Amino acid sequence: MLSIGNGLRSGWRTACLGRRTISSYKRLIITAAGTDDYEIITRLTSEIQLAGGNIEKSRMSALSGDFTLQILLGVQEGRWESIRSTLRDLGKEKKLFLITRWSEAGDERKMAVYDSDGSCQQWEIRLTGSDNIGLVYSIIQFLGKSGVAINSFDTATLSAPYSGAPYFSMKARITFPISGIDFSEFKDKLGETANKVGLDCETVVL
């Protein structure tokens, strides 16, 4: 996974952050996929900047010659259609699968589980081991039944440093309320689930 840049035109971004509740500032979520091309990221960020957009968050991953990209974009009124037109033109030129939608206020909170007072805790889970059929399913099922929110989930097949032997790596960030969950019990059961599918497990409180 690669972050391609946050906060282009930082001065403009700072000026706008305090006015996010005003209707003249909106946030656009862009999802793009296509054949991996080193020029696409450069072109995309350049075209967005020229059209008056501001990249707040971004995430890209390459998968077997293809790539997927997600961008959270800040846009001022008067530039909305220019941004979308620019994206459509670039999508046709580069043969991209492209989806855009406006972000709703509060979307980020929907990706987490909070106590009534708004508090929560975030963990990062790191799992490594031999690749086995069903291991992703087992971990996802356990997390879902535990009542936690999965904020991000990434997997990869890597090579061991010395032997070069392939091994599986999984990293997830989860959020759950501070009350109502026994952290020690959750950690033990997560370790048991990982062990059943041959994975070593490490948890980090963020």
N, C-alpha and C. Protein backbone atom coordinates (compact mmCIF):
# COMPACT_ATOMS: atom_id res chain seq x y z
N MET A 1 0.84 -1.18 0.00
CA MET A 1 0.00 0.00 0.00
C MET A 1 0.87 1.23 0.00
N LEU A 2 0.45 2.25 -0.73
CA LEU A 2 1.26 3.44 -0.87
C LEU A 2 0.39 4.66 -0.76
N SER A 3 0.75 5.57 0.12
CA SER A 3 0.07 6.85 0.19
C SER A 3 0.68 7.76 -0.85
N ILE A 4 -0.15 8.34 -1.71
CA ILE A 4 0.40 9.12 -2.81
C ILE A 4 0.44 10.61 -2.52
N GLY A 5 -0.03 11.03 -1.36
CA GLY A 5 0.11 12.45 -1.06
C GLY A 5 -1.08 12.98 -0.30
N ASN A 6 -0.84 13.83 0.66
CA ASN A 6 -1.91 14.44 1.43
C ASN A 6 -1.66 15.94 1.50
N GLY A 7 -2.72 16.69 1.30
CA GLY A 7 -2.62 18.12 1.53
C GLY A 7 -1.90 18.88 0.44
N LEU A 8 -2.18 18.61 -0.85
CA LEU A 8 -1.66 19.46 -1.89
C LEU A 8 -2.22 20.86 -1.68
N ARG A 9 -1.42 21.85 -2.02
CA ARG A 9 -1.82 23.23 -1.82
C ARG A 9 -2.24 23.44 -0.37
N SER A 10 -1.31 23.21 0.54
CA SER A 10 -1.62 23.19 1.96
C SER A 10 -2.18 24.51 2.47
N GLY A 11 -1.76 25.62 1.89
CA GLY A 11 -2.29 26.90 2.33
C GLY A 11 -3.78 27.01 2.08
N TRP A 12 -4.20 26.57 0.86
CA TRP A 12 -5.63 26.60 0.53
C TRP A 12 -6.40 25.66 1.44
N ARG A 13 -5.79 24.49 1.75
CA ARG A 13 -6.46 23.51 2.60
C ARG A 13 -6.69 24.08 3.99
N THR A 14 -5.67 24.75 4.55
CA THR A 14 -5.80 25.32 5.88
C THR A 14 -6.91 26.35 5.93
N ALA A 15 -7.02 27.13 4.87
CA ALA A 15 -8.05 28.16 4.82
C ALA A 15 -9.44 27.56 4.79
N CYS A 16 -9.55 26.37 4.19
CA CYS A 16 -10.88 25.76 4.03
C CYS A 16 -11.31 24.91 5.21
N LEU A 17 -10.37 24.39 5.97
CA LEU A 17 -10.73 23.43 7.01
C LEU A 17 -11.69 24.02 8.02
N GLY A 18 -11.52 25.29 8.32
CA GLY A 18 -12.40 25.91 9.30
C GLY A 18 -13.78 26.17 8.77
N ARG A 19 -14.02 25.95 7.46
CA ARG A 19 -15.31 26.26 6.86
C ARG A 19 -15.98 25.03 6.27
N ARG A 20 -15.66 23.85 6.79
CA ARG A 20 -16.21 22.63 6.22
C ARG A 20 -17.72 22.53 6.36
N THR A 21 -18.28 23.21 7.35
CA THR A 21 -19.72 23.14 7.54
C THR A 21 -20.45 24.03 6.55
N ILE A 22 -19.74 24.92 5.86
CA ILE A 22 -20.36 25.80 4.89
C ILE A 22 -20.58 25.03 3.59
N SER A 23 -21.71 25.27 2.94
CA SER A 23 -22.09 24.49 1.77
C SER A 23 -21.13 24.67 0.60
N SER A 24 -20.26 25.69 0.63
CA SER A 24 -19.37 25.94 -0.49
C SER A 24 -18.19 24.96 -0.53
N TYR A 25 -18.02 24.17 0.52
CA TYR A 25 -16.91 23.21 0.58
C TYR A 25 -17.48 21.80 0.67
N LYS A 26 -17.09 20.95 -0.28
CA LYS A 26 -17.58 19.58 -0.27
C LYS A 26 -16.41 18.62 -0.42
N ARG A 27 -16.66 17.38 -0.07
CA ARG A 27 -15.62 16.36 -0.16
C ARG A 27 -16.08 15.27 -1.13
N LEU A 28 -15.21 14.94 -2.05
CA LEU A 28 -15.51 13.97 -3.09
C LEU A 28 -14.65 12.72 -2.88
N ILE A 29 -15.27 11.55 -2.92
CA ILE A 29 -14.54 10.29 -2.82
C ILE A 29 -14.37 9.72 -4.22
N ILE A 30 -13.13 9.47 -4.60
CA ILE A 30 -12.81 8.95 -5.92
C ILE A 30 -12.25 7.54 -5.78
N THR A 31 -12.80 6.61 -6.53
CA THR A 31 -12.26 5.25 -6.59
C THR A 31 -11.90 4.96 -8.05
N ALA A 32 -10.65 4.58 -8.28
CA ALA A 32 -10.18 4.32 -9.65
C ALA A 32 -9.45 2.99 -9.69
N ALA A 33 -9.58 2.30 -10.83
CA ALA A 33 -8.87 1.03 -11.03
C ALA A 33 -8.51 0.91 -12.50
N GLY A 34 -7.36 0.28 -12.76
CA GLY A 34 -6.93 0.11 -14.14
C GLY A 34 -5.59 -0.58 -14.22
N THR A 35 -5.02 -0.62 -15.42
CA THR A 35 -3.71 -1.22 -15.62
C THR A 35 -2.64 -0.34 -14.99
N ASP A 36 -1.72 -0.94 -14.25
CA ASP A 36 -0.69 -0.18 -13.55
C ASP A 36 0.14 0.63 -14.54
N ASP A 37 0.25 1.92 -14.29
CA ASP A 37 0.96 2.83 -15.19
C ASP A 37 1.56 3.93 -14.32
N TYR A 38 2.90 4.06 -14.36
CA TYR A 38 3.55 5.02 -13.48
C TYR A 38 3.12 6.46 -13.76
N GLU A 39 2.61 6.73 -14.96
CA GLU A 39 2.20 8.08 -15.31
C GLU A 39 0.84 8.46 -14.72
N ILE A 40 0.02 7.46 -14.42
CA ILE A 40 -1.36 7.76 -14.03
C ILE A 40 -1.41 8.57 -12.74
N ILE A 41 -0.64 8.17 -11.72
CA ILE A 41 -0.69 8.88 -10.45
C ILE A 41 -0.23 10.32 -10.61
N THR A 42 0.86 10.51 -11.36
CA THR A 42 1.36 11.87 -11.61
C THR A 42 0.33 12.71 -12.34
N ARG A 43 -0.26 12.14 -13.40
CA ARG A 43 -1.27 12.86 -14.17
C ARG A 43 -2.49 13.18 -13.33
N LEU A 44 -2.94 12.19 -12.57
CA LEU A 44 -4.16 12.36 -11.79
C LEU A 44 -4.01 13.47 -10.76
N THR A 45 -2.92 13.44 -9.99
CA THR A 45 -2.71 14.47 -8.96
C THR A 45 -2.51 15.85 -9.59
N SER A 46 -1.82 15.89 -10.73
CA SER A 46 -1.59 17.16 -11.42
C SER A 46 -2.90 17.76 -11.92
N GLU A 47 -3.73 16.92 -12.56
CA GLU A 47 -5.00 17.39 -13.10
C GLU A 47 -5.93 17.87 -11.98
N ILE A 48 -5.93 17.15 -10.86
CA ILE A 48 -6.77 17.54 -9.73
C ILE A 48 -6.34 18.90 -9.19
N GLN A 49 -5.04 19.10 -9.05
CA GLN A 49 -4.54 20.37 -8.54
C GLN A 49 -4.88 21.52 -9.49
N LEU A 50 -4.68 21.31 -10.78
CA LEU A 50 -4.97 22.35 -11.76
C LEU A 50 -6.45 22.70 -11.79
N ALA A 51 -7.30 21.71 -11.50
CA ALA A 51 -8.75 21.95 -11.50
C ALA A 51 -9.24 22.55 -10.19
N GLY A 52 -8.33 22.71 -9.21
CA GLY A 52 -8.70 23.36 -7.96
C GLY A 52 -9.08 22.42 -6.84
N GLY A 53 -8.75 21.15 -6.96
CA GLY A 53 -9.06 20.20 -5.89
C GLY A 53 -7.92 20.07 -4.91
N ASN A 54 -8.22 19.55 -3.73
CA ASN A 54 -7.22 19.37 -2.68
C ASN A 54 -7.29 17.94 -2.15
N ILE A 55 -6.21 17.17 -2.32
CA ILE A 55 -6.18 15.79 -1.86
C ILE A 55 -5.95 15.77 -0.35
N GLU A 56 -6.96 15.29 0.40
CA GLU A 56 -6.85 15.21 1.85
C GLU A 56 -6.28 13.86 2.30
N LYS A 57 -6.77 12.79 1.69
CA LYS A 57 -6.28 11.45 2.01
C LYS A 57 -6.24 10.64 0.73
N SER A 58 -5.32 9.68 0.67
CA SER A 58 -5.25 8.84 -0.52
C SER A 58 -4.64 7.49 -0.16
N ARG A 59 -4.98 6.50 -0.97
CA ARG A 59 -4.46 5.15 -0.74
C ARG A 59 -4.42 4.42 -2.08
N MET A 60 -3.30 3.76 -2.36
CA MET A 60 -3.16 3.02 -3.60
C MET A 60 -2.56 1.65 -3.33
N SER A 61 -2.98 0.66 -4.11
CA SER A 61 -2.35 -0.65 -4.02
C SER A 61 -2.26 -1.24 -5.43
N ALA A 62 -1.18 -1.97 -5.67
CA ALA A 62 -0.97 -2.64 -6.96
C ALA A 62 -1.22 -4.13 -6.77
N LEU A 63 -1.98 -4.72 -7.69
CA LEU A 63 -2.34 -6.13 -7.60
C LEU A 63 -2.13 -6.78 -8.96
N SER A 64 -1.04 -7.53 -9.10
CA SER A 64 -0.79 -8.33 -10.29
C SER A 64 -0.94 -7.54 -11.59
N GLY A 65 -0.27 -6.39 -11.66
CA GLY A 65 -0.28 -5.61 -12.89
C GLY A 65 -1.39 -4.58 -12.98
N ASP A 66 -2.35 -4.63 -12.07
CA ASP A 66 -3.41 -3.63 -12.00
C ASP A 66 -3.25 -2.82 -10.72
N PHE A 67 -3.96 -1.71 -10.64
CA PHE A 67 -3.90 -0.91 -9.42
C PHE A 67 -5.31 -0.46 -9.04
N THR A 68 -5.49 -0.18 -7.76
CA THR A 68 -6.70 0.45 -7.27
C THR A 68 -6.29 1.68 -6.47
N LEU A 69 -7.09 2.71 -6.54
CA LEU A 69 -6.75 3.98 -5.91
C LEU A 69 -7.99 4.60 -5.30
N GLN A 70 -7.86 5.10 -4.09
CA GLN A 70 -8.94 5.83 -3.43
C GLN A 70 -8.42 7.19 -2.99
N ILE A 71 -9.20 8.22 -3.24
CA ILE A 71 -8.82 9.58 -2.88
C ILE A 71 -10.00 10.27 -2.21
N LEU A 72 -9.72 10.96 -1.10
CA LEU A 72 -10.70 11.86 -0.49
C LEU A 72 -10.29 13.27 -0.87
N LEU A 73 -11.16 13.94 -1.60
CA LEU A 73 -10.81 15.21 -2.22
C LEU A 73 -11.67 16.34 -1.68
N GLY A 74 -11.03 17.45 -1.32
CA GLY A 74 -11.76 18.65 -0.92
C GLY A 74 -11.96 19.55 -2.13
N VAL A 75 -13.20 20.02 -2.33
CA VAL A 75 -13.52 20.81 -3.52
C VAL A 75 -14.35 22.02 -3.13
N GLN A 76 -13.99 23.19 -3.65
CA GLN A 76 -14.76 24.40 -3.43
C GLN A 76 -15.89 24.52 -4.45
N GLU A 77 -16.96 25.19 -4.04
CA GLU A 77 -18.08 25.43 -4.95
C GLU A 77 -17.58 26.19 -6.17
N GLY A 78 -18.09 25.84 -7.31
CA GLY A 78 -17.65 26.48 -8.54
C GLY A 78 -16.61 25.65 -9.27
N ARG A 79 -16.03 24.68 -8.57
CA ARG A 79 -15.02 23.82 -9.18
C ARG A 79 -15.48 22.36 -9.24
N TRP A 80 -16.67 22.08 -8.70
CA TRP A 80 -17.15 20.71 -8.62
C TRP A 80 -17.22 20.05 -9.99
N GLU A 81 -17.92 20.70 -10.93
CA GLU A 81 -18.10 20.09 -12.25
C GLU A 81 -16.79 20.03 -13.02
N SER A 82 -15.91 21.00 -12.79
CA SER A 82 -14.61 20.99 -13.45
C SER A 82 -13.81 19.77 -13.03
N ILE A 83 -13.85 19.45 -11.73
CA ILE A 83 -13.14 18.28 -11.21
C ILE A 83 -13.71 17.00 -11.83
N ARG A 84 -15.01 16.86 -11.83
CA ARG A 84 -15.63 15.63 -12.33
C ARG A 84 -15.41 15.48 -13.84
N SER A 85 -15.44 16.59 -14.56
CA SER A 85 -15.18 16.55 -16.00
C SER A 85 -13.74 16.13 -16.27
N THR A 86 -12.81 16.66 -15.48
CA THR A 86 -11.40 16.29 -15.61
C THR A 86 -11.20 14.81 -15.38
N LEU A 87 -11.86 14.28 -14.36
CA LEU A 87 -11.74 12.86 -14.04
C LEU A 87 -12.33 11.99 -15.15
N ARG A 88 -13.47 12.40 -15.70
CA ARG A 88 -14.08 11.63 -16.79
C ARG A 88 -13.16 11.57 -18.01
N ASP A 89 -12.56 12.71 -18.35
CA ASP A 89 -11.67 12.76 -19.52
C ASP A 89 -10.44 11.89 -19.31
N LEU A 90 -9.85 11.96 -18.11
CA LEU A 90 -8.67 11.15 -17.83
C LEU A 90 -9.02 9.67 -17.79
N GLY A 91 -10.20 9.37 -17.27
CA GLY A 91 -10.65 7.98 -17.22
C GLY A 91 -10.80 7.38 -18.60
N LYS A 92 -11.35 8.15 -19.54
CA LYS A 92 -11.49 7.67 -20.92
C LYS A 92 -10.13 7.49 -21.58
N GLU A 93 -9.23 8.45 -21.35
CA GLU A 93 -7.91 8.40 -21.97
C GLU A 93 -7.10 7.20 -21.49
N LYS A 94 -7.15 6.95 -20.18
CA LYS A 94 -6.33 5.88 -19.59
C LYS A 94 -7.12 4.58 -19.39
N LYS A 95 -8.38 4.55 -19.85
CA LYS A 95 -9.23 3.37 -19.73
C LYS A 95 -9.35 2.91 -18.27
N LEU A 96 -9.70 3.86 -17.42
CA LEU A 96 -9.85 3.58 -15.99
C LEU A 96 -11.30 3.25 -15.66
N PHE A 97 -11.47 2.34 -14.72
CA PHE A 97 -12.77 2.14 -14.09
C PHE A 97 -12.85 3.17 -12.98
N LEU A 98 -13.80 4.10 -13.07
CA LEU A 98 -13.79 5.27 -12.20
C LEU A 98 -15.17 5.49 -11.58
N ILE A 99 -15.20 5.68 -10.27
CA ILE A 99 -16.43 5.99 -9.55
C ILE A 99 -16.19 7.22 -8.68
N THR A 100 -17.12 8.16 -8.68
CA THR A 100 -17.04 9.30 -7.78
C THR A 100 -18.36 9.44 -7.02
N ARG A 101 -18.26 9.87 -5.78
CA ARG A 101 -19.48 10.17 -5.01
C ARG A 101 -19.13 11.21 -3.95
N TRP A 102 -20.13 11.99 -3.57
CA TRP A 102 -19.92 12.98 -2.54
C TRP A 102 -19.92 12.32 -1.17
N SER A 103 -19.00 12.75 -0.32
CA SER A 103 -18.92 12.22 1.04
C SER A 103 -19.96 12.90 1.91
N GLU A 104 -20.63 12.11 2.73
CA GLU A 104 -21.61 12.66 3.65
C GLU A 104 -20.94 13.03 4.96
N ALA A 105 -21.44 14.04 5.63
CA ALA A 105 -20.90 14.43 6.93
C ALA A 105 -21.03 13.28 7.90
N GLY A 106 -19.97 12.99 8.63
CA GLY A 106 -20.01 11.93 9.62
C GLY A 106 -19.61 10.57 9.10
N ASP A 107 -19.21 10.47 7.81
CA ASP A 107 -18.84 9.17 7.26
C ASP A 107 -17.73 8.50 8.06
N GLU A 108 -16.75 9.28 8.54
CA GLU A 108 -15.63 8.68 9.25
C GLU A 108 -16.07 8.02 10.55
N ARG A 109 -17.08 8.57 11.20
CA ARG A 109 -17.57 7.97 12.45
C ARG A 109 -18.30 6.67 12.19
N LYS A 110 -18.85 6.48 10.98
CA LYS A 110 -19.54 5.23 10.68
C LYS A 110 -18.58 4.06 10.61
N MET A 111 -17.28 4.35 10.45
CA MET A 111 -16.29 3.29 10.34
C MET A 111 -15.73 2.89 11.69
N ALA A 112 -16.34 3.35 12.79
CA ALA A 112 -15.84 3.03 14.12
C ALA A 112 -17.01 2.71 15.04
N VAL A 113 -16.69 2.09 16.17
CA VAL A 113 -17.69 1.77 17.18
C VAL A 113 -17.35 2.58 18.42
N TYR A 114 -18.31 3.35 18.92
CA TYR A 114 -18.05 4.27 20.01
C TYR A 114 -18.91 3.95 21.23
N ASP A 115 -18.39 4.34 22.41
CA ASP A 115 -19.21 4.34 23.60
C ASP A 115 -20.19 5.51 23.52
N SER A 116 -21.12 5.56 24.46
CA SER A 116 -22.11 6.64 24.45
C SER A 116 -21.46 8.01 24.62
N ASP A 117 -20.29 8.06 25.26
CA ASP A 117 -19.60 9.34 25.44
C ASP A 117 -18.64 9.64 24.29
N GLY A 118 -18.65 8.80 23.24
CA GLY A 118 -17.82 9.05 22.08
C GLY A 118 -16.42 8.46 22.16
N SER A 119 -16.10 7.74 23.24
CA SER A 119 -14.76 7.18 23.39
C SER A 119 -14.65 5.83 22.70
N CYS A 120 -13.44 5.48 22.30
CA CYS A 120 -13.20 4.19 21.66
C CYS A 120 -11.71 3.88 21.76
N GLN A 121 -11.35 2.67 21.36
CA GLN A 121 -9.95 2.29 21.34
C GLN A 121 -9.63 1.65 20.00
N GLN A 122 -8.44 1.93 19.48
CA GLN A 122 -8.02 1.37 18.21
C GLN A 122 -6.83 0.45 18.41
N TRP A 123 -6.87 -0.68 17.71
CA TRP A 123 -5.76 -1.63 17.72
C TRP A 123 -5.31 -1.88 16.29
N GLU A 124 -4.04 -2.25 16.17
CA GLU A 124 -3.55 -2.78 14.91
C GLU A 124 -3.20 -4.24 15.14
N ILE A 125 -3.70 -5.10 14.28
CA ILE A 125 -3.45 -6.54 14.37
C ILE A 125 -2.50 -6.92 13.25
N ARG A 126 -1.42 -7.63 13.59
CA ARG A 126 -0.44 -8.07 12.59
C ARG A 126 -0.34 -9.59 12.65
N LEU A 127 -0.57 -10.23 11.52
CA LEU A 127 -0.56 -11.68 11.45
C LEU A 127 0.37 -12.13 10.34
N THR A 128 1.20 -13.12 10.62
CA THR A 128 2.11 -13.66 9.61
C THR A 128 2.16 -15.18 9.73
N GLY A 129 2.45 -15.85 8.61
CA GLY A 129 2.57 -17.30 8.62
C GLY A 129 2.42 -17.88 7.24
N SER A 130 2.30 -19.19 7.17
CA SER A 130 2.12 -19.87 5.89
C SER A 130 0.73 -19.58 5.33
N ASP A 131 0.67 -19.45 4.01
CA ASP A 131 -0.61 -19.18 3.36
C ASP A 131 -1.46 -20.44 3.35
N ASN A 132 -2.67 -20.32 3.88
CA ASN A 132 -3.59 -21.45 3.93
C ASN A 132 -4.97 -21.02 3.46
N ILE A 133 -5.66 -21.91 2.79
CA ILE A 133 -7.02 -21.61 2.34
C ILE A 133 -7.92 -21.39 3.55
N GLY A 134 -8.67 -20.31 3.53
CA GLY A 134 -9.65 -20.04 4.58
C GLY A 134 -9.15 -19.19 5.73
N LEU A 135 -7.87 -18.80 5.72
CA LEU A 135 -7.39 -18.05 6.88
C LEU A 135 -7.97 -16.64 6.94
N VAL A 136 -8.11 -15.97 5.79
CA VAL A 136 -8.71 -14.63 5.79
C VAL A 136 -10.16 -14.71 6.29
N TYR A 137 -10.88 -15.70 5.79
CA TYR A 137 -12.27 -15.90 6.22
C TYR A 137 -12.36 -16.09 7.73
N SER A 138 -11.46 -16.91 8.28
CA SER A 138 -11.49 -17.21 9.72
C SER A 138 -11.28 -15.96 10.56
N ILE A 139 -10.31 -15.13 10.17
CA ILE A 139 -10.02 -13.92 10.93
C ILE A 139 -11.16 -12.91 10.82
N ILE A 140 -11.67 -12.72 9.60
CA ILE A 140 -12.77 -11.77 9.40
C ILE A 140 -14.01 -12.20 10.18
N GLN A 141 -14.32 -13.50 10.15
CA GLN A 141 -15.47 -14.01 10.89
C GLN A 141 -15.32 -13.76 12.39
N PHE A 142 -14.13 -14.00 12.91
CA PHE A 142 -13.90 -13.77 14.34
C PHE A 142 -14.09 -12.30 14.69
N LEU A 143 -13.51 -11.41 13.90
CA LEU A 143 -13.62 -9.98 14.19
C LEU A 143 -15.07 -9.51 14.11
N GLY A 144 -15.80 -10.01 13.10
CA GLY A 144 -17.19 -9.62 12.94
C GLY A 144 -18.05 -10.05 14.12
N LYS A 145 -17.82 -11.26 14.62
CA LYS A 145 -18.60 -11.77 15.74
C LYS A 145 -18.21 -11.11 17.07
N SER A 146 -17.04 -10.49 17.10
CA SER A 146 -16.55 -9.86 18.34
C SER A 146 -17.12 -8.46 18.54
N GLY A 147 -17.82 -7.93 17.55
CA GLY A 147 -18.44 -6.61 17.69
C GLY A 147 -17.50 -5.45 17.48
N VAL A 148 -16.40 -5.67 16.76
CA VAL A 148 -15.47 -4.58 16.48
C VAL A 148 -15.70 -4.07 15.06
N ALA A 149 -15.25 -2.85 14.80
CA ALA A 149 -15.32 -2.28 13.46
C ALA A 149 -13.96 -2.43 12.79
N ILE A 150 -13.95 -2.93 11.56
CA ILE A 150 -12.71 -3.09 10.80
C ILE A 150 -12.51 -1.83 9.97
N ASN A 151 -11.49 -1.04 10.31
CA ASN A 151 -11.23 0.22 9.61
C ASN A 151 -10.37 0.02 8.37
N SER A 152 -9.43 -0.91 8.43
CA SER A 152 -8.62 -1.24 7.25
C SER A 152 -8.17 -2.69 7.38
N PHE A 153 -7.94 -3.31 6.21
CA PHE A 153 -7.58 -4.72 6.20
C PHE A 153 -6.73 -4.97 4.95
N ASP A 154 -5.46 -5.33 5.15
CA ASP A 154 -4.54 -5.51 4.04
C ASP A 154 -3.84 -6.86 4.14
N THR A 155 -3.70 -7.53 3.01
CA THR A 155 -2.99 -8.81 2.97
C THR A 155 -1.96 -8.79 1.85
N ALA A 156 -0.92 -9.62 2.00
CA ALA A 156 0.11 -9.71 0.97
C ALA A 156 0.87 -11.01 1.14
N THR A 157 1.44 -11.49 0.05
CA THR A 157 2.36 -12.63 0.09
C THR A 157 3.77 -12.10 -0.12
N LEU A 158 4.65 -12.32 0.85
CA LEU A 158 6.00 -11.76 0.83
C LEU A 158 7.04 -12.87 0.81
N SER A 159 8.30 -12.48 0.67
CA SER A 159 9.41 -13.44 0.69
C SER A 159 10.21 -13.27 1.97
N ALA A 160 10.56 -14.37 2.59
CA ALA A 160 11.37 -14.33 3.81
C ALA A 160 12.74 -13.73 3.50
N PRO A 161 13.33 -12.95 4.43
CA PRO A 161 14.58 -12.22 4.17
C PRO A 161 15.75 -13.09 3.70
N TYR A 162 15.96 -14.25 4.29
CA TYR A 162 17.14 -15.06 3.96
C TYR A 162 16.82 -16.24 3.05
N SER A 163 15.77 -16.96 3.37
CA SER A 163 15.45 -18.17 2.59
C SER A 163 14.72 -17.86 1.30
N GLY A 164 14.03 -16.72 1.26
CA GLY A 164 13.23 -16.39 0.09
C GLY A 164 11.91 -17.13 0.03
N ALA A 165 11.63 -17.93 1.04
CA ALA A 165 10.38 -18.70 1.07
C ALA A 165 9.18 -17.75 1.21
N PRO A 166 8.09 -18.03 0.51
CA PRO A 166 6.91 -17.15 0.60
C PRO A 166 6.20 -17.31 1.94
N TYR A 167 5.69 -16.21 2.45
CA TYR A 167 4.86 -16.26 3.65
C TYR A 167 3.75 -15.22 3.54
N PHE A 168 2.71 -15.44 4.30
CA PHE A 168 1.52 -14.60 4.24
C PHE A 168 1.57 -13.54 5.33
N SER A 169 1.17 -12.33 4.97
CA SER A 169 1.13 -11.22 5.93
C SER A 169 -0.24 -10.56 5.89
N MET A 170 -0.77 -10.29 7.05
CA MET A 170 -2.08 -9.64 7.16
C MET A 170 -1.99 -8.55 8.21
N LYS A 171 -2.54 -7.38 7.90
CA LYS A 171 -2.54 -6.28 8.85
C LYS A 171 -3.93 -5.65 8.85
N ALA A 172 -4.48 -5.45 10.04
CA ALA A 172 -5.82 -4.86 10.15
C ALA A 172 -5.83 -3.82 11.26
N ARG A 173 -6.61 -2.78 11.07
CA ARG A 173 -6.86 -1.80 12.13
C ARG A 173 -8.32 -1.90 12.52
N ILE A 174 -8.56 -2.03 13.81
CA ILE A 174 -9.92 -2.20 14.30
C ILE A 174 -10.22 -1.17 15.38
N THR A 175 -11.50 -0.89 15.55
CA THR A 175 -11.96 0.04 16.57
C THR A 175 -13.07 -0.62 17.37
N PHE A 176 -13.05 -0.43 18.69
CA PHE A 176 -14.15 -0.94 19.50
C PHE A 176 -14.31 -0.08 20.74
N PRO A 177 -15.51 -0.11 21.34
CA PRO A 177 -15.77 0.71 22.53
C PRO A 177 -14.92 0.24 23.70
N ILE A 178 -14.55 1.18 24.55
CA ILE A 178 -13.71 0.84 25.70
C ILE A 178 -14.49 -0.01 26.70
N SER A 179 -15.78 0.27 26.84
CA SER A 179 -16.60 -0.51 27.76
C SER A 179 -17.27 -1.66 27.01
N GLY A 180 -17.56 -2.73 27.72
CA GLY A 180 -18.32 -3.83 27.13
C GLY A 180 -17.48 -4.91 26.49
N ILE A 181 -16.16 -4.72 26.39
CA ILE A 181 -15.30 -5.74 25.80
C ILE A 181 -14.15 -6.05 26.76
N ASP A 182 -13.95 -7.32 27.02
CA ASP A 182 -12.83 -7.77 27.85
C ASP A 182 -11.61 -7.87 26.93
N PHE A 183 -10.70 -6.91 27.02
CA PHE A 183 -9.56 -6.85 26.10
C PHE A 183 -8.67 -8.08 26.21
N SER A 184 -8.46 -8.55 27.42
CA SER A 184 -7.60 -9.72 27.62
C SER A 184 -8.22 -10.96 26.97
N GLU A 185 -9.53 -11.13 27.16
CA GLU A 185 -10.22 -12.28 26.57
C GLU A 185 -10.22 -12.17 25.04
N PHE A 186 -10.46 -10.96 24.53
CA PHE A 186 -10.46 -10.75 23.08
C PHE A 186 -9.10 -11.11 22.49
N LYS A 187 -8.03 -10.66 23.15
CA LYS A 187 -6.68 -10.93 22.65
C LYS A 187 -6.38 -12.43 22.67
N ASP A 188 -6.80 -13.12 23.74
CA ASP A 188 -6.57 -14.56 23.83
C ASP A 188 -7.32 -15.31 22.72
N LYS A 189 -8.57 -14.95 22.50
CA LYS A 189 -9.37 -15.64 21.48
C LYS A 189 -8.86 -15.34 20.07
N LEU A 190 -8.37 -14.12 19.87
CA LEU A 190 -7.78 -13.78 18.58
C LEU A 190 -6.55 -14.64 18.33
N GLY A 191 -5.72 -14.79 19.37
CA GLY A 191 -4.53 -15.63 19.25
C GLY A 191 -4.88 -17.07 18.95
N GLU A 192 -5.94 -17.58 19.59
CA GLU A 192 -6.38 -18.96 19.34
C GLU A 192 -6.86 -19.13 17.90
N THR A 193 -7.62 -18.15 17.42
CA THR A 193 -8.13 -18.20 16.05
C THR A 193 -6.98 -18.18 15.04
N ALA A 194 -6.00 -17.30 15.29
CA ALA A 194 -4.84 -17.21 14.40
C ALA A 194 -4.03 -18.51 14.42
N ASN A 195 -3.87 -19.08 15.60
CA ASN A 195 -3.09 -20.31 15.74
C ASN A 195 -3.73 -21.47 14.97
N LYS A 196 -5.05 -21.52 14.94
CA LYS A 196 -5.75 -22.59 14.24
C LYS A 196 -5.47 -22.59 12.74
N VAL A 197 -5.19 -21.41 12.18
CA VAL A 197 -4.90 -21.33 10.74
C VAL A 197 -3.41 -21.11 10.49
N GLY A 198 -2.59 -21.34 11.52
CA GLY A 198 -1.13 -21.31 11.35
C GLY A 198 -0.51 -19.94 11.26
N LEU A 199 -1.10 -18.95 11.94
CA LEU A 199 -0.57 -17.60 11.90
C LEU A 199 -0.05 -17.17 13.27
N ASP A 200 1.04 -16.41 13.26
CA ASP A 200 1.51 -15.74 14.47
C ASP A 200 0.79 -14.41 14.56
N CYS A 201 0.45 -14.01 15.78
CA CYS A 201 -0.38 -12.82 15.97
C CYS A 201 0.30 -11.82 16.90
N GLU A 202 0.25 -10.55 16.51
CA GLU A 202 0.75 -9.46 17.34
C GLU A 202 -0.29 -8.35 17.34
N THR A 203 -0.56 -7.78 18.51
CA THR A 203 -1.52 -6.68 18.60
C THR A 203 -0.83 -5.45 19.18
N VAL A 204 -1.18 -4.29 18.65
CA VAL A 204 -0.61 -3.02 19.10
C VAL A 204 -1.76 -2.05 19.37
N VAL A 205 -1.78 -1.47 20.56
CA VAL A 205 -2.78 -0.45 20.89
C VAL A 205 -2.31 0.88 20.30
N LEU A 206 -3.17 1.53 19.53
CA LEU A 206 -2.81 2.78 18.86
C LEU A 206 -3.17 3.99 19.70
